[in-house]
Amino acid sequence: VAKVVSDAVYAAGGLPLEIRTTAPSDFVTSAGRKA
């Protein structure tokens, strides 16, 4: 999805710069320390 968005930003005359953050999942990240 990020690739689709980046291509659209670029085509519209912008410079896409991807950044990453943590990604909590209620069914996976909940495993540690009782969620």
Full PDB file with SEQRES, HELIX, SHEET, SSBOND, CRYST1, ORIGX, SCALE, CONECT and MASTER records, all heavy atoms in Angstrom:
SEQRES   1 A   35  VAL ALA LYS VAL VAL SER ASP ALA VAL TYR ALA ALA GLY          
SEQRES   2 A   35  GLY LEU PRO LEU GLU ILE ARG THR THR ALA PRO SER ASP          
SEQRES   3 A   35  PHE VAL THR SER ALA GLY ARG LYS ALA                          
HELIX    1 AA1 ALA A    2  ALA A   11  1                                  10    
HELIX    2 AA2 THR A   29  LYS A   34  5                                   6    
CRYST1    1.000    1.000    1.000  90.00  90.00  90.00 P 1           1          
ORIGX1      1.000000  0.000000  0.000000        0.00000                         
ORIGX2      0.000000  1.000000  0.000000        0.00000                         
ORIGX3      0.000000  0.000000  1.000000        0.00000                         
SCALE1      1.000000  0.000000  0.000000        0.00000                         
SCALE2      0.000000  1.000000  0.000000        0.00000                         
SCALE3      0.000000  0.000000  1.000000        0.00000                         
ATOM      1  N   VAL A   1       0.842  -1.198   0.000  1.00  0.00           N  
ATOM      2  CA  VAL A   1       0.000   0.000   0.000  1.00  0.00           C  
ATOM      3  C   VAL A   1       0.879   1.250   0.000  1.00  0.00           C  
ATOM      4  O   VAL A   1       0.592   2.225  -0.700  1.00  0.00           O  
ATOM      5  CB  VAL A   1      -0.951  -0.004   1.207  1.00  0.00           C  
ATOM      6  CG1 VAL A   1      -1.791   1.278   1.244  1.00  0.00           C  
ATOM      7  CG2 VAL A   1      -1.865  -1.222   1.176  1.00  0.00           C  
ATOM      8  N   ALA A   2       1.957   1.214   0.771  1.00  0.00           N  
ATOM      9  CA  ALA A   2       2.875   2.358   0.826  1.00  0.00           C  
ATOM     10  C   ALA A   2       3.449   2.665  -0.553  1.00  0.00           C  
ATOM     11  O   ALA A   2       3.633   3.837  -0.919  1.00  0.00           O  
ATOM     12  CB  ALA A   2       3.999   2.078   1.823  1.00  0.00           C  
ATOM     13  N   LYS A   3       3.714   1.624  -1.338  1.00  0.00           N  
ATOM     14  CA  LYS A   3       4.239   1.826  -2.694  1.00  0.00           C  
ATOM     15  C   LYS A   3       3.194   2.525  -3.576  1.00  0.00           C  
ATOM     16  O   LYS A   3       3.528   3.445  -4.341  1.00  0.00           O  
ATOM     17  CB  LYS A   3       4.611   0.463  -3.303  1.00  0.00           C  
ATOM     18  CG  LYS A   3       5.116   0.521  -4.746  1.00  0.00           C  
ATOM     19  CD  LYS A   3       6.435   1.256  -4.875  1.00  0.00           C  
ATOM     20  CE  LYS A   3       7.126   1.004  -6.220  1.00  0.00           C  
ATOM     21  NZ  LYS A   3       6.301   1.372  -7.380  1.00  0.00           N  
ATOM     22  N   VAL A   4       1.945   2.114  -3.450  1.00  0.00           N  
ATOM     23  CA  VAL A   4       0.864   2.754  -4.216  1.00  0.00           C  
ATOM     24  C   VAL A   4       0.760   4.229  -3.842  1.00  0.00           C  
ATOM     25  O   VAL A   4       0.646   5.104  -4.710  1.00  0.00           O  
ATOM     26  CB  VAL A   4      -0.474   2.027  -3.957  1.00  0.00           C  
ATOM     27  CG1 VAL A   4      -1.643   2.803  -4.546  1.00  0.00           C  
ATOM     28  CG2 VAL A   4      -0.439   0.615  -4.536  1.00  0.00           C  
ATOM     29  N   VAL A   5       0.783   4.516  -2.535  1.00  0.00           N  
ATOM     30  CA  VAL A   5       0.673   5.903  -2.065  1.00  0.00           C  
ATOM     31  C   VAL A   5       1.874   6.711  -2.535  1.00  0.00           C  
ATOM     32  O   VAL A   5       1.734   7.852  -3.026  1.00  0.00           O  
ATOM     33  CB  VAL A   5       0.551   5.944  -0.532  1.00  0.00           C  
ATOM     34  CG1 VAL A   5       0.597   7.391  -0.030  1.00  0.00           C  
ATOM     35  CG2 VAL A   5      -0.735   5.268  -0.077  1.00  0.00           C  
ATOM     36  N   SER A   6       3.061   6.149  -2.401  1.00  0.00           N  
ATOM     37  CA  SER A   6       4.280   6.864  -2.802  1.00  0.00           C  
ATOM     38  C   SER A   6       4.268   7.211  -4.284  1.00  0.00           C  
ATOM     39  O   SER A   6       4.625   8.333  -4.679  1.00  0.00           O  
ATOM     40  CB  SER A   6       5.514   6.023  -2.466  1.00  0.00           C  
ATOM     41  OG  SER A   6       5.659   5.867  -1.068  1.00  0.00           O  
ATOM     42  N   ASP A   7       3.850   6.260  -5.116  1.00  0.00           N  
ATOM     43  CA  ASP A   7       3.781   6.525  -6.560  1.00  0.00           C  
ATOM     44  C   ASP A   7       2.809   7.661  -6.855  1.00  0.00           C  
ATOM     45  O   ASP A   7       3.072   8.514  -7.718  1.00  0.00           O  
ATOM     46  CB  ASP A   7       3.355   5.256  -7.301  1.00  0.00           C  
ATOM     47  CG  ASP A   7       4.448   4.190  -7.336  1.00  0.00           C  
ATOM     48  OD1 ASP A   7       5.608   4.519  -6.990  1.00  0.00           O  
ATOM     49  OD2 ASP A   7       4.135   3.036  -7.685  1.00  0.00           O  
ATOM     50  N   ALA A   8       1.689   7.689  -6.133  1.00  0.00           N  
ATOM     51  CA  ALA A   8       0.690   8.736  -6.353  1.00  0.00           C  
ATOM     52  C   ALA A   8       1.205  10.096  -5.895  1.00  0.00           C  
ATOM     53  O   ALA A   8       0.964  11.116  -6.554  1.00  0.00           O  
ATOM     54  CB  ALA A   8      -0.604   8.382  -5.626  1.00  0.00           C  
ATOM     55  N   VAL A   9       1.901  10.117  -4.765  1.00  0.00           N  
ATOM     56  CA  VAL A   9       2.493  11.369  -4.273  1.00  0.00           C  
ATOM     57  C   VAL A   9       3.485  11.909  -5.298  1.00  0.00           C  
ATOM     58  O   VAL A   9       3.483  13.104  -5.639  1.00  0.00           O  
ATOM     59  CB  VAL A   9       3.180  11.154  -2.911  1.00  0.00           C  
ATOM     60  CG1 VAL A   9       4.071  12.350  -2.546  1.00  0.00           C  
ATOM     61  CG2 VAL A   9       2.154  10.918  -1.815  1.00  0.00           C  
ATOM     62  N   TYR A  10       4.324  11.029  -5.805  1.00  0.00           N  
ATOM     63  CA  TYR A  10       5.347  11.446  -6.769  1.00  0.00           C  
ATOM     64  C   TYR A  10       4.697  11.961  -8.058  1.00  0.00           C  
ATOM     65  O   TYR A  10       5.093  13.010  -8.592  1.00  0.00           O  
ATOM     66  CB  TYR A  10       6.288  10.289  -7.072  1.00  0.00           C  
ATOM     67  CG  TYR A  10       7.531  10.711  -7.822  1.00  0.00           C  
ATOM     68  CD1 TYR A  10       8.659  11.158  -7.143  1.00  0.00           C  
ATOM     69  CD2 TYR A  10       7.569  10.695  -9.219  1.00  0.00           C  
ATOM     70  CE1 TYR A  10       9.793  11.556  -7.826  1.00  0.00           C  
ATOM     71  CE2 TYR A  10       8.680  11.095  -9.914  1.00  0.00           C  
ATOM     72  CZ  TYR A  10       9.799  11.525  -9.212  1.00  0.00           C  
ATOM     73  OH  TYR A  10      10.928  11.943  -9.901  1.00  0.00           O  
ATOM     74  N   ALA A  11       3.690  11.239  -8.542  1.00  0.00           N  
ATOM     75  CA  ALA A  11       3.025  11.647  -9.786  1.00  0.00           C  
ATOM     76  C   ALA A  11       2.326  12.997  -9.636  1.00  0.00           C  
ATOM     77  O   ALA A  11       2.178  13.742 -10.618  1.00  0.00           O  
ATOM     78  CB  ALA A  11       2.015  10.577 -10.205  1.00  0.00           C  
ATOM     79  N   ALA A  12       1.921  13.328  -8.400  1.00  0.00           N  
ATOM     80  CA  ALA A  12       1.249  14.606  -8.156  1.00  0.00           C  
ATOM     81  C   ALA A  12       2.231  15.747  -7.920  1.00  0.00           C  
ATOM     82  O   ALA A  12       1.811  16.875  -7.677  1.00  0.00           O  
ATOM     83  CB  ALA A  12       0.318  14.468  -6.956  1.00  0.00           C  
ATOM     84  N   GLY A  13       3.530  15.446  -7.999  1.00  0.00           N  
ATOM     85  CA  GLY A  13       4.534  16.491  -7.839  1.00  0.00           C  
ATOM     86  C   GLY A  13       5.136  16.585  -6.462  1.00  0.00           C  
ATOM     87  O   GLY A  13       5.845  17.549  -6.157  1.00  0.00           O  
ATOM     88  N   GLY A  14       4.877  15.582  -5.618  1.00  0.00           N  
ATOM     89  CA  GLY A  14       5.459  15.570  -4.282  1.00  0.00           C  
ATOM     90  C   GLY A  14       6.638  14.620  -4.191  1.00  0.00           C  
ATOM     91  O   GLY A  14       6.912  13.842  -5.116  1.00  0.00           O  
ATOM     92  N   LEU A  15       7.341  14.684  -3.072  1.00  0.00           N  
ATOM     93  CA  LEU A  15       8.439  13.766  -2.782  1.00  0.00           C  
ATOM     94  C   LEU A  15       8.015  12.877  -1.624  1.00  0.00           C  
ATOM     95  O   LEU A  15       7.946  13.337  -0.487  1.00  0.00           O  
ATOM     96  CB  LEU A  15       9.709  14.527  -2.418  1.00  0.00           C  
ATOM     97  CG  LEU A  15      10.917  13.661  -2.025  1.00  0.00           C  
ATOM     98  CD1 LEU A  15      11.369  12.776  -3.194  1.00  0.00           C  
ATOM     99  CD2 LEU A  15      12.075  14.530  -1.535  1.00  0.00           C  
ATOM    100  N   PRO A  16       7.707  11.592  -1.883  1.00  0.00           N  
ATOM    101  CA  PRO A  16       7.294  10.692  -0.805  1.00  0.00           C  
ATOM    102  C   PRO A  16       8.500  10.214   0.001  1.00  0.00           C  
ATOM    103  O   PRO A  16       9.508   9.784  -0.575  1.00  0.00           O  
ATOM    104  CB  PRO A  16       6.634   9.534  -1.550  1.00  0.00           C  
ATOM    105  CG  PRO A  16       7.307   9.517  -2.896  1.00  0.00           C  
ATOM    106  CD  PRO A  16       7.666  10.945  -3.208  1.00  0.00           C  
ATOM    107  N   LEU A  17       8.396  10.290   1.315  1.00  0.00           N  
ATOM    108  CA  LEU A  17       9.471   9.860   2.207  1.00  0.00           C  
ATOM    109  C   LEU A  17       8.867   8.935   3.261  1.00  0.00           C  
ATOM    110  O   LEU A  17       8.151   9.380   4.157  1.00  0.00           O  
ATOM    111  CB  LEU A  17      10.139  11.074   2.865  1.00  0.00           C  
ATOM    112  CG  LEU A  17      10.849  12.021   1.890  1.00  0.00           C  
ATOM    113  CD1 LEU A  17      11.134  13.356   2.553  1.00  0.00           C  
ATOM    114  CD2 LEU A  17      12.137  11.390   1.369  1.00  0.00           C  
ATOM    115  N   GLU A  18       9.130   7.652   3.120  1.00  0.00           N  
ATOM    116  CA  GLU A  18       8.503   6.669   4.002  1.00  0.00           C  
ATOM    117  C   GLU A  18       9.205   6.624   5.355  1.00  0.00           C  
ATOM    118  O   GLU A  18      10.429   6.582   5.438  1.00  0.00           O  
ATOM    119  CB  GLU A  18       8.544   5.290   3.359  1.00  0.00           C  
ATOM    120  CG  GLU A  18       7.793   4.226   4.131  1.00  0.00           C  
ATOM    121  CD  GLU A  18       7.798   2.871   3.429  1.00  0.00           C  
ATOM    122  OE1 GLU A  18       8.081   2.842   2.200  1.00  0.00           O  
ATOM    123  OE2 GLU A  18       7.531   1.865   4.099  1.00  0.00           O  
ATOM    124  N   ILE A  19       8.395   6.626   6.425  1.00  0.00           N  
ATOM    125  CA  ILE A  19       8.918   6.433   7.774  1.00  0.00           C  
ATOM    126  C   ILE A  19       8.165   5.277   8.422  1.00  0.00           C  
ATOM    127  O   ILE A  19       7.038   4.979   8.047  1.00  0.00           O  
ATOM    128  CB  ILE A  19       8.811   7.709   8.639  1.00  0.00           C  
ATOM    129  CG1 ILE A  19       7.352   8.091   8.865  1.00  0.00           C  
ATOM    130  CG2 ILE A  19       9.572   8.861   7.999  1.00  0.00           C  
ATOM    131  CD1 ILE A  19       7.172   9.227   9.850  1.00  0.00           C  
ATOM    132  N   ARG A  20       8.797   4.635   9.394  1.00  0.00           N  
ATOM    133  CA  ARG A  20       8.205   3.468  10.054  1.00  0.00           C  
ATOM    134  C   ARG A  20       7.971   3.768  11.538  1.00  0.00           C  
ATOM    135  O   ARG A  20       8.757   4.470  12.164  1.00  0.00           O  
ATOM    136  CB  ARG A  20       9.118   2.252   9.935  1.00  0.00           C  
ATOM    137  CG  ARG A  20       9.470   1.835   8.513  1.00  0.00           C  
ATOM    138  CD  ARG A  20       8.243   1.335   7.764  1.00  0.00           C  
ATOM    139  NE  ARG A  20       8.581   0.850   6.425  1.00  0.00           N  
ATOM    140  CZ  ARG A  20       8.679  -0.438   6.107  1.00  0.00           C  
ATOM    141  NH1 ARG A  20       8.507  -1.361   7.015  1.00  0.00           N  
ATOM    142  NH2 ARG A  20       8.967  -0.794   4.870  1.00  0.00           N  
ATOM    143  N   THR A  21       6.899   3.201  12.075  1.00  0.00           N  
ATOM    144  CA  THR A  21       6.643   3.286  13.512  1.00  0.00           C  
ATOM    145  C   THR A  21       6.355   1.884  14.035  1.00  0.00           C  
ATOM    146  O   THR A  21       6.240   0.928  13.270  1.00  0.00           O  
ATOM    147  CB  THR A  21       5.430   4.183  13.828  1.00  0.00           C  
ATOM    148  OG1 THR A  21       4.233   3.498  13.446  1.00  0.00           O  
ATOM    149  CG2 THR A  21       5.513   5.522  13.107  1.00  0.00           C  
ATOM    150  N   THR A  22       6.212   1.775  15.339  1.00  0.00           N  
ATOM    151  CA  THR A  22       5.762   0.513  15.921  1.00  0.00           C  
ATOM    152  C   THR A  22       4.365   0.193  15.408  1.00  0.00           C  
ATOM    153  O   THR A  22       3.635   1.078  14.949  1.00  0.00           O  
ATOM    154  CB  THR A  22       5.764   0.590  17.452  1.00  0.00           C  
ATOM    155  OG1 THR A  22       5.493  -0.701  18.004  1.00  0.00           O  
ATOM    156  CG2 THR A  22       4.732   1.564  17.977  1.00  0.00           C  
ATOM    157  N   ALA A  23       3.981  -1.093  15.481  1.00  0.00           N  
ATOM    158  CA  ALA A  23       2.701  -1.544  14.928  1.00  0.00           C  
ATOM    159  C   ALA A  23       2.035  -2.508  15.910  1.00  0.00           C  
ATOM    160  O   ALA A  23       2.201  -3.721  15.812  1.00  0.00           O  
ATOM    161  CB  ALA A  23       2.922  -2.230  13.582  1.00  0.00           C  
ATOM    162  N   PRO A  24       1.279  -1.982  16.873  1.00  0.00           N  
ATOM    163  CA  PRO A  24       0.652  -2.861  17.872  1.00  0.00           C  
ATOM    164  C   PRO A  24      -0.553  -3.604  17.318  1.00  0.00           C  
ATOM    165  O   PRO A  24      -1.416  -3.019  16.658  1.00  0.00           O  
ATOM    166  CB  PRO A  24       0.216  -1.881  18.968  1.00  0.00           C  
ATOM    167  CG  PRO A  24       0.002  -0.591  18.240  1.00  0.00           C  
ATOM    168  CD  PRO A  24       1.027  -0.560  17.148  1.00  0.00           C  
ATOM    169  N   SER A  25      -0.625  -4.889  17.567  1.00  0.00           N  
ATOM    170  CA  SER A  25      -1.761  -5.721  17.171  1.00  0.00           C  
ATOM    171  C   SER A  25      -2.441  -6.253  18.428  1.00  0.00           C  
ATOM    172  O   SER A  25      -1.789  -6.837  19.298  1.00  0.00           O  
ATOM    173  CB  SER A  25      -1.290  -6.906  16.320  1.00  0.00           C  
ATOM    174  OG  SER A  25      -2.282  -7.917  16.288  1.00  0.00           O  
ATOM    175  N   ASP A  26      -3.747  -6.058  18.530  1.00  0.00           N  
ATOM    176  CA  ASP A  26      -4.460  -6.502  19.722  1.00  0.00           C  
ATOM    177  C   ASP A  26      -4.419  -8.014  19.909  1.00  0.00           C  
ATOM    178  O   ASP A  26      -4.653  -8.500  21.015  1.00  0.00           O  
ATOM    179  CB  ASP A  26      -5.906  -6.013  19.675  1.00  0.00           C  
ATOM    180  CG  ASP A  26      -6.057  -4.634  20.285  1.00  0.00           C  
ATOM    181  OD1 ASP A  26      -5.126  -3.819  20.115  1.00  0.00           O  
ATOM    182  OD2 ASP A  26      -7.084  -4.362  20.916  1.00  0.00           O  
ATOM    183  N   PHE A  27      -4.141  -8.766  18.852  1.00  0.00           N  
ATOM    184  CA  PHE A  27      -4.083 -10.214  18.994  1.00  0.00           C  
ATOM    185  C   PHE A  27      -2.658 -10.760  19.049  1.00  0.00           C  
ATOM    186  O   PHE A  27      -2.468 -11.951  19.252  1.00  0.00           O  
ATOM    187  CB  PHE A  27      -4.855 -10.888  17.859  1.00  0.00           C  
ATOM    188  CG  PHE A  27      -6.336 -10.752  18.002  1.00  0.00           C  
ATOM    189  CD1 PHE A  27      -7.082 -10.052  17.075  1.00  0.00           C  
ATOM    190  CD2 PHE A  27      -6.991 -11.302  19.086  1.00  0.00           C  
ATOM    191  CE1 PHE A  27      -8.447  -9.917  17.216  1.00  0.00           C  
ATOM    192  CE2 PHE A  27      -8.359 -11.172  19.245  1.00  0.00           C  
ATOM    193  CZ  PHE A  27      -9.097 -10.476  18.304  1.00  0.00           C  
ATOM    194  N   VAL A  28      -1.657  -9.917  18.870  1.00  0.00           N  
ATOM    195  CA  VAL A  28      -0.269 -10.381  18.926  1.00  0.00           C  
ATOM    196  C   VAL A  28       0.510  -9.634  20.002  1.00  0.00           C  
ATOM    197  O   VAL A  28       1.121 -10.239  20.883  1.00  0.00           O  
ATOM    198  CB  VAL A  28       0.418 -10.235  17.550  1.00  0.00           C  
ATOM    199  CG1 VAL A  28       1.886 -10.636  17.636  1.00  0.00           C  
ATOM    200  CG2 VAL A  28      -0.280 -11.116  16.512  1.00  0.00           C  
ATOM    201  N   THR A  29       0.474  -8.298  19.954  1.00  0.00           N  
ATOM    202  CA  THR A  29       1.192  -7.501  20.946  1.00  0.00           C  
ATOM    203  C   THR A  29       0.570  -7.645  22.330  1.00  0.00           C  
ATOM    204  O   THR A  29       1.171  -7.250  23.329  1.00  0.00           O  
ATOM    205  CB  THR A  29       1.205  -6.011  20.530  1.00  0.00           C  
ATOM    206  OG1 THR A  29       1.507  -5.924  19.141  1.00  0.00           O  
ATOM    207  CG2 THR A  29       2.250  -5.236  21.299  1.00  0.00           C  
ATOM    208  N   SER A  30      -0.617  -8.235  22.425  1.00  0.00           N  
ATOM    209  CA  SER A  30      -1.276  -8.457  23.710  1.00  0.00           C  
ATOM    210  C   SER A  30      -0.658  -9.604  24.496  1.00  0.00           C  
ATOM    211  O   SER A  30      -0.987  -9.809  25.669  1.00  0.00           O  
ATOM    212  CB  SER A  30      -2.758  -8.757  23.484  1.00  0.00           C  
ATOM    213  OG  SER A  30      -2.919  -9.906  22.668  1.00  0.00           O  
ATOM    214  N   ALA A  31       0.235 -10.368  23.873  1.00  0.00           N  
ATOM    215  CA  ALA A  31       0.775 -11.560  24.534  1.00  0.00           C  
ATOM    216  C   ALA A  31       1.670 -11.209  25.723  1.00  0.00           C  
ATOM    217  O   ALA A  31       1.698 -11.924  26.728  1.00  0.00           O  
ATOM    218  CB  ALA A  31       1.561 -12.396  23.522  1.00  0.00           C  
ATOM    219  N   GLY A  32       2.401 -10.117  25.633  1.00  0.00           N  
ATOM    220  CA  GLY A  32       3.361  -9.774  26.679  1.00  0.00           C  
ATOM    221  C   GLY A  32       2.763  -8.950  27.789  1.00  0.00           C  
ATOM    222  O   GLY A  32       2.020  -7.999  27.546  1.00  0.00           O  
ATOM    223  N   ARG A  33       3.050  -9.316  29.000  1.00  0.00           N  
ATOM    224  CA  ARG A  33       2.647  -8.557  30.200  1.00  0.00           C  
ATOM    225  C   ARG A  33       1.159  -8.241  30.213  1.00  0.00           C  
ATOM    226  O   ARG A  33       0.741  -7.127  30.501  1.00  0.00           O  
ATOM    227  CB  ARG A  33       3.474  -7.275  30.329  1.00  0.00           C  
ATOM    228  CG  ARG A  33       4.962  -7.558  30.566  1.00  0.00           C  
ATOM    229  CD  ARG A  33       5.715  -6.306  30.940  1.00  0.00           C  
ATOM    230  NE  ARG A  33       7.138  -6.606  31.124  1.00  0.00           N  
ATOM    231  CZ  ARG A  33       8.052  -5.704  31.412  1.00  0.00           C  
ATOM    232  NH1 ARG A  33       7.717  -4.430  31.547  1.00  0.00           N  
ATOM    233  NH2 ARG A  33       9.311  -6.046  31.567  1.00  0.00           N  
ATOM    234  N   LYS A  34       0.369  -9.262  29.897  1.00  0.00           N  
ATOM    235  CA  LYS A  34      -1.089  -9.145  29.976  1.00  0.00           C  
ATOM    236  C   LYS A  34      -1.621  -7.974  29.152  1.00  0.00           C  
ATOM    237  O   LYS A  34      -2.538  -7.272  29.554  1.00  0.00           O  
ATOM    238  CB  LYS A  34      -1.545  -8.988  31.432  1.00  0.00           C  
ATOM    239  CG  LYS A  34      -0.983 -10.023  32.381  1.00  0.00           C  
ATOM    240  CD  LYS A  34      -1.437 -11.411  32.023  1.00  0.00           C  
ATOM    241  CE  LYS A  34      -0.901 -12.427  33.036  1.00  0.00           C  
ATOM    242  NZ  LYS A  34      -1.156 -13.816  32.611  1.00  0.00           N  
ATOM    243  N   ALA A  35      -1.030  -7.728  28.005  1.00  0.00           N  
ATOM    244  CA  ALA A  35      -1.471  -6.702  27.039  1.00  0.00           C  
ATOM    245  C   ALA A  35      -1.158  -5.288  27.498  1.00  0.00           C  
ATOM    246  O   ALA A  35      -1.688  -4.327  26.945  1.00  0.00           O  
ATOM    247  CB  ALA A  35      -2.961  -6.842  26.743  1.00  0.00           C  
TER     248      ALA A  35                                                      
MASTER        0    0    0    2    0    0    0    6  247    1    0    3          
END                                                                             
